[in-house]
C-alpha atoms as a PDB file:
ATOM      1  CA  UNK A   1       0.000   0.000   0.000  1.00  0.00           C
ATOM      2  CA  UNK A   2       2.875   2.359   0.837  1.00  0.00           C
ATOM      3  CA  UNK A   3       4.425   1.770  -2.588  1.00  0.00           C
ATOM      4  CA  UNK A   4       1.153   2.596  -4.355  1.00  0.00           C
ATOM      5  CA  UNK A   5       0.821   5.855  -2.398  1.00  0.00           C
ATOM      6  CA  UNK A   6       4.405   6.810  -3.209  1.00  0.00           C
ATOM      7  CA  UNK A   7       3.859   6.100  -6.902  1.00  0.00           C
ATOM      8  CA  UNK A   8       0.704   8.229  -6.942  1.00  0.00           C
ATOM      9  CA  UNK A   9       2.491  11.102  -5.202  1.00  0.00           C
ATOM     10  CA  UNK A  10       5.410  10.816  -7.664  1.00  0.00           C
ATOM     11  CA  UNK A  11       3.072  10.886 -10.679  1.00  0.00           C
ATOM     12  CA  UNK A  12       1.202  13.916  -9.305  1.00  0.00           C
ATOM     13  CA  UNK A  13       4.393  15.850  -8.572  1.00  0.00           C
ATOM     14  CA  UNK A  14       5.915  14.949 -11.940  1.00  0.00           C
ATOM     15  CA  UNK A  15       2.852  16.166 -13.830  1.00  0.00           C
ATOM     16  CA  UNK A  16       2.706  19.351 -11.713  1.00  0.00           C
ATOM     17  CA  UNK A  17       6.361  20.143 -12.437  1.00  0.00           C
ATOM     18  CA  UNK A  18       5.860  19.439 -16.130  1.00  0.00           C
ATOM     19  CA  UNK A  19       2.922  21.865 -16.280  1.00  0.00           C
ATOM     20  CA  UNK A  20       4.853  24.511 -14.340  1.00  0.00           C
ATOM     21  CA  UNK A  21       7.776  24.403 -16.807  1.00  0.00           C
ATOM     22  CA  UNK A  22       5.760  24.342 -20.011  1.00  0.00           C
ATOM     23  CA  UNK A  23       5.402  27.180 -22.464  1.00  0.00           C
ATOM     24  CA  UNK A  24       2.025  28.925 -22.104  1.00  0.00           C
ATOM     25  CA  UNK A  25       2.348  31.888 -24.462  1.00  0.00           C
ATOM     26  CA  UNK A  26       3.728  32.486 -27.949  1.00  0.00           C
ATOM     27  CA  UNK A  27       7.095  34.280 -27.937  1.00  0.00           C
ATOM     28  CA  UNK A  28       7.167  37.755 -29.483  1.00  0.00           C
ATOM     29  CA  UNK A  29       3.421  38.448 -29.438  1.00  0.00           C
ATOM     30  CA  UNK A  30       2.258  41.146 -26.983  1.00  0.00           C
ATOM     31  CA  UNK A  31      -0.491  39.994 -24.569  1.00  0.00           C
ATOM     32  CA  UNK A  32      -3.032  42.580 -25.799  1.00  0.00           C
ATOM     33  CA  UNK A  33      -2.784  41.516 -29.469  1.00  0.00           C
ATOM     34  CA  UNK A  34      -5.712  39.623 -31.014  1.00  0.00           C
ATOM     35  CA  UNK A  35      -4.353  36.314 -32.340  1.00  0.00           C
ATOM     36  CA  UNK A  36      -4.681  35.195 -35.958  1.00  0.00           C
ATOM     37  CA  UNK A  37      -6.344  31.845 -36.694  1.00  0.00           C
ATOM     38  CA  UNK A  38      -2.928  30.143 -37.009  1.00  0.00           C
ATOM     39  CA  UNK A  39      -1.737  31.686 -33.728  1.00  0.00           C
ATOM     40  CA  UNK A  40      -4.961  30.577 -32.004  1.00  0.00           C
ATOM     41  CA  UNK A  41      -4.240  26.960 -32.940  1.00  0.00           C
ATOM     42  CA  UNK A  42      -0.669  27.260 -31.607  1.00  0.00           C
ATOM     43  CA  UNK A  43      -1.857  28.932 -28.396  1.00  0.00           C
ATOM     44  CA  UNK A  44      -4.589  26.325 -27.880  1.00  0.00           C
ATOM     45  CA  UNK A  45      -1.899  23.617 -28.116  1.00  0.00           C
ATOM     46  CA  UNK A  46       0.268  25.539 -25.626  1.00  0.00           C
ATOM     47  CA  UNK A  47      -2.650  25.682 -23.167  1.00  0.00           C
ATOM     48  CA  UNK A  48      -3.867  22.100 -23.593  1.00  0.00           C
ATOM     49  CA  UNK A  49      -4.881  20.833 -20.162  1.00  0.00           C
ATOM     50  CA  UNK A  50      -4.868  24.361 -18.713  1.00  0.00           C
ATOM     51  CA  UNK A  51      -8.071  25.610 -20.371  1.00  0.00           C
ATOM     52  CA  UNK A  52     -11.186  23.807 -21.580  1.00  0.00           C
ATOM     53  CA  UNK A  53     -11.050  22.094 -24.959  1.00  0.00           C
ATOM     54  CA  UNK A  54     -14.193  24.109 -25.798  1.00  0.00           C
ATOM     55  CA  UNK A  55     -12.351  27.452 -25.449  1.00  0.00           C
ATOM     56  CA  UNK A  56     -10.397  29.172 -28.214  1.00  0.00           C
ATOM     57  CA  UNK A  57      -7.676  31.602 -27.095  1.00  0.00           C
ATOM     58  CA  UNK A  58      -8.151  35.132 -28.441  1.00  0.00           C
ATOM     59  CA  UNK A  59      -5.043  36.753 -26.965  1.00  0.00           C
ATOM     60  CA  UNK A  60      -1.574  35.719 -25.849  1.00  0.00           C
ATOM     61  CA  UNK A  61      -2.227  36.535 -22.164  1.00  0.00           C
ATOM     62  CA  UNK A  62      -2.419  33.346 -20.063  1.00  0.00           C
ATOM     63  CA  UNK A  63      -0.868  33.989 -16.615  1.00  0.00           C
ATOM     64  CA  UNK A  64      -2.002  31.288 -14.186  1.00  0.00           C
ATOM     65  CA  UNK A  65      -5.016  29.291 -12.985  1.00  0.00           C
ATOM     66  CA  UNK A  66      -6.727  32.486 -11.726  1.00  0.00           C
ATOM     67  CA  UNK A  67      -5.966  34.512 -14.857  1.00  0.00           C
ATOM     68  CA  UNK A  68      -6.419  32.010 -17.685  1.00  0.00           C
ATOM     69  CA  UNK A  69      -6.232  34.476 -20.531  1.00  0.00           C
ATOM     70  CA  UNK A  70      -8.706  35.860 -23.044  1.00  0.00           C
ATOM     71  CA  UNK A  71     -10.886  33.457 -25.033  1.00  0.00           C
ATOM     72  CA  UNK A  72     -13.579  33.792 -27.671  1.00  0.00           C
ATOM     73  CA  UNK A  73     -17.168  33.148 -26.616  1.00  0.00           C
ATOM     74  CA  UNK A  74     -18.238  29.720 -27.864  1.00  0.00           C
ATOM     75  CA  UNK A  75     -21.832  30.029 -29.123  1.00  0.00           C
ATOM     76  CA  UNK A  76     -22.195  26.346 -30.087  1.00  0.00           C
ATOM     77  CA  UNK A  77     -25.154  24.748 -28.326  1.00  0.00           C
ATOM     78  CA  UNK A  78     -26.011  21.172 -27.542  1.00  0.00           C
ATOM     79  CA  UNK A  79     -28.332  19.177 -25.298  1.00  0.00           C
ATOM     80  CA  UNK A  80     -27.427  18.329 -21.736  1.00  0.00           C
ATOM     81  CA  UNK A  81     -28.297  15.007 -20.072  1.00  0.00           C
ATOM     82  CA  UNK A  82     -31.806  16.328 -19.316  1.00  0.00           C
ATOM     83  CA  UNK A  83     -32.504  17.194 -22.955  1.00  0.00           C
ATOM     84  CA  UNK A  84     -32.201  20.933 -22.300  1.00  0.00           C
ATOM     85  CA  UNK A  85     -30.380  23.149 -24.809  1.00  0.00           C
ATOM     86  CA  UNK A  86     -27.191  24.626 -23.310  1.00  0.00           C
ATOM     87  CA  UNK A  87     -23.967  26.212 -24.493  1.00  0.00           C
ATOM     88  CA  UNK A  88     -21.176  23.723 -25.175  1.00  0.00           C
ATOM     89  CA  UNK A  89     -18.856  25.886 -23.064  1.00  0.00           C
ATOM     90  CA  UNK A  90     -20.660  27.101 -19.976  1.00  0.00           C
ATOM     91  CA  UNK A  91     -17.749  27.816 -17.627  1.00  0.00           C
ATOM     92  CA  UNK A  92     -15.534  30.832 -18.311  1.00  0.00           C
ATOM     93  CA  UNK A  93     -14.403  31.354 -14.707  1.00  0.00           C
ATOM     94  CA  UNK A  94     -11.022  33.099 -14.448  1.00  0.00           C
ATOM     95  CA  UNK A  95     -10.981  33.889 -18.193  1.00  0.00           C
ATOM     96  CA  UNK A  96     -11.476  37.162 -19.991  1.00  0.00           C
ATOM     97  CA  UNK A  97     -14.027  36.704 -22.780  1.00  0.00           C
ATOM     98  CA  UNK A  98     -14.710  38.401 -26.113  1.00  0.00           C
ATOM     99  CA  UNK A  99     -18.462  38.183 -26.814  1.00  0.00           C
ATOM    100  CA  UNK A 100     -20.056  39.502 -30.030  1.00  0.00           C
ATOM    101  CA  UNK A 101     -22.216  42.582 -29.445  1.00  0.00           C
ATOM    102  CA  UNK A 102     -25.921  41.842 -28.963  1.00  0.00           C
ATOM    103  CA  UNK A 103     -25.443  38.212 -27.835  1.00  0.00           C
ATOM    104  CA  UNK A 104     -27.855  36.600 -25.352  1.00  0.00           C
ATOM    105  CA  UNK A 105     -26.123  34.304 -22.858  1.00  0.00           C
ATOM    106  CA  UNK A 106     -27.990  31.870 -20.578  1.00  0.00           C
ATOM    107  CA  UNK A 107     -26.775  29.732 -17.659  1.00  0.00           C
ATOM    108  CA  UNK A 108     -23.053  30.497 -18.000  1.00  0.00           C
ATOM    109  CA  UNK A 109     -20.415  30.985 -15.274  1.00  0.00           C
ATOM    110  CA  UNK A 110     -18.094  33.988 -15.657  1.00  0.00           C
ATOM    111  CA  UNK A 111     -16.939  34.285 -12.015  1.00  0.00           C
ATOM    112  CA  UNK A 112     -13.589  35.907 -11.228  1.00  0.00           C
ATOM    113  CA  UNK A 113     -11.241  35.813  -8.244  1.00  0.00           C
ATOM    114  CA  UNK A 114     -10.934  39.582  -7.753  1.00  0.00           C
ATOM    115  CA  UNK A 115     -13.835  42.002  -7.419  1.00  0.00           C
ATOM    116  CA  UNK A 116     -14.653  44.504 -10.196  1.00  0.00           C
ATOM    117  CA  UNK A 117     -12.780  42.484 -12.836  1.00  0.00           C
ATOM    118  CA  UNK A 118     -13.343  43.858 -16.347  1.00  0.00           C
ATOM    119  CA  UNK A 119     -13.438  40.367 -17.861  1.00  0.00           C
ATOM    120  CA  UNK A 120     -16.181  40.549 -20.494  1.00  0.00           C
ATOM    121  CA  UNK A 121     -15.845  42.516 -23.700  1.00  0.00           C
ATOM    122  CA  UNK A 122     -19.070  43.133 -25.608  1.00  0.00           C
ATOM    123  CA  UNK A 123     -21.881  45.693 -25.829  1.00  0.00           C
ATOM    124  CA  UNK A 124     -25.649  45.262 -25.551  1.00  0.00           C
ATOM    125  CA  UNK A 125     -25.284  41.772 -24.071  1.00  0.00           C
ATOM    126  CA  UNK A 126     -28.177  39.993 -22.363  1.00  0.00           C
ATOM    127  CA  UNK A 127     -27.314  37.674 -19.474  1.00  0.00           C
ATOM    128  CA  UNK A 128     -29.946  35.280 -18.118  1.00  0.00           C
ATOM    129  CA  UNK A 129     -29.306  33.133 -15.027  1.00  0.00           C
ATOM    130  CA  UNK A 130     -25.545  33.712 -15.244  1.00  0.00           C
ATOM    131  CA  UNK A 131     -22.902  33.727 -12.532  1.00  0.00           C
ATOM    132  CA  UNK A 132     -21.254  37.153 -12.743  1.00  0.00           C
ATOM    133  CA  UNK A 133     -19.506  37.117  -9.347  1.00  0.00           C
ATOM    134  CA  UNK A 134     -16.782  39.793  -9.247  1.00  0.00           C
ATOM    135  CA  UNK A 135     -17.514  40.919 -12.827  1.00  0.00           C
ATOM    136  CA  UNK A 136     -17.536  44.645 -13.563  1.00  0.00           C
ATOM    137  CA  UNK A 137     -21.039  45.202 -15.006  1.00  0.00           C
ATOM    138  CA  UNK A 138     -21.263  47.455 -18.062  1.00  0.00           C
ATOM    139  CA  UNK A 139     -24.215  49.855 -18.472  1.00  0.00           C
ATOM    140  CA  UNK A 140     -25.295  48.491 -21.879  1.00  0.00           C
ATOM    141  CA  UNK A 141     -25.891  44.985 -20.510  1.00  0.00           C
ATOM    142  CA  UNK A 142     -29.267  43.558 -19.487  1.00  0.00           C
ATOM    143  CA  UNK A 143     -29.167  41.188 -16.501  1.00  0.00           C
ATOM    144  CA  UNK A 144     -31.998  38.746 -15.782  1.00  0.00           C
ATOM    145  CA  UNK A 145     -31.762  36.717 -12.557  1.00  0.00           C
ATOM    146  CA  UNK A 146     -27.948  36.805 -12.414  1.00  0.00           C
ATOM    147  CA  UNK A 147     -25.614  36.575  -9.433  1.00  0.00           C
ATOM    148  CA  UNK A 148     -23.664  39.866  -9.446  1.00  0.00           C
ATOM    149  CA  UNK A 149     -22.094  39.611  -5.998  1.00  0.00           C
ATOM    150  CA  UNK A 150     -18.803  41.413  -5.491  1.00  0.00           C
ATOM    151  CA  UNK A 151     -16.740  39.579  -2.886  1.00  0.00           C
ATOM    152  CA  UNK A 152     -13.271  39.529  -1.426  1.00  0.00           C
ATOM    153  CA  UNK A 153     -11.383  37.316   0.981  1.00  0.00           C
ATOM    154  CA  UNK A 154      -8.569  38.073   3.369  1.00  0.00           C
ATOM    155  CA  UNK A 155      -6.648  36.181   5.996  1.00  0.00           C
ATOM    156  CA  UNK A 156      -6.749  37.650   9.484  1.00  0.00           C
ATOM    157  CA  UNK A 157      -4.616  35.783  12.031  1.00  0.00           C
ATOM    158  CA  UNK A 158      -5.631  32.153  11.468  1.00  0.00           C
ATOM    159  CA  UNK A 159      -8.993  32.865   9.818  1.00  0.00           C
ATOM    160  CA  UNK A 160     -10.200  33.283   6.254  1.00  0.00           C
ATOM    161  CA  UNK A 161     -12.703  36.146   6.225  1.00  0.00           C
ATOM    162  CA  UNK A 162     -15.114  36.619   3.305  1.00  0.00           C
ATOM    163  CA  UNK A 163     -16.825  39.936   2.592  1.00  0.00           C
ATOM    164  CA  UNK A 164     -19.585  40.895   0.147  1.00  0.00           C
ATOM    165  CA  UNK A 165     -20.056  44.466  -1.065  1.00  0.00           C
ATOM    166  CA  UNK A 166     -23.518  45.886  -0.434  1.00  0.00           C
ATOM    167  CA  UNK A 167     -25.502  48.318  -2.608  1.00  0.00           C
ATOM    168  CA  UNK A 168     -23.801  51.277  -0.867  1.00  0.00           C
ATOM    169  CA  UNK A 169     -20.333  49.889  -1.727  1.00  0.00           C
ATOM    170  CA  UNK A 170     -19.619  48.905   1.883  1.00  0.00           C
ATOM    171  CA  UNK A 171     -17.882  45.593   2.592  1.00  0.00           C
ATOM    172  CA  UNK A 172     -19.952  43.361   4.890  1.00  0.00           C
ATOM    173  CA  UNK A 173     -18.426  40.292   6.536  1.00  0.00           C
ATOM    174  CA  UNK A 174     -20.416  37.204   5.532  1.00  0.00           C
ATOM    175  CA  UNK A 175     -18.201  34.330   6.624  1.00  0.00           C
ATOM    176  CA  UNK A 176     -15.279  33.590   8.927  1.00  0.00           C
ATOM    177  CA  UNK A 177     -13.529  30.240   8.744  1.00  0.00           C
ATOM    178  CA  UNK A 178     -10.628  28.983  10.848  1.00  0.00           C
ATOM    179  CA  UNK A 179      -7.579  27.967   8.865  1.00  0.00           C
ATOM    180  CA  UNK A 180      -5.936  24.842  10.188  1.00  0.00           C
ATOM    181  CA  UNK A 181      -2.391  23.903   9.173  1.00  0.00           C
END
């Protein structure tokens, strides 16, 4: 049993080190440049295993697991296991997203780690039942039953404290959890 555990730990650490050392961006292309189709293919190969196979990189700006770079909105739909029509890619958390103007988006997660993140590019968008936690909301957007909470976390002594921002822009403590080593 000990040998099996050691092998599993070795495999995990080896794969983690391999991912940490791999190339994630294309040399010589600034991070704010929109990629060409050929560059998108190269960047998607660079990010294999780091972003969803349903996402197409739009820029050369991957940083880490909490800043996964800019991707194009995937408008392809399919049926879920309940026979309901859904977007093929429904989780864009920690990505920046380019969405065509005037698009209606339903049941998609766009949550971000840091509050007021300007992660979605697109005008006159309609969001229905979307998770927009920590997203900076633009005035041209229409929101229908979306979660628009702005939250932050900080460590105080040995506790993780979570705050939500209220309608008057005041931070209200909503949770306090002891951190155990």
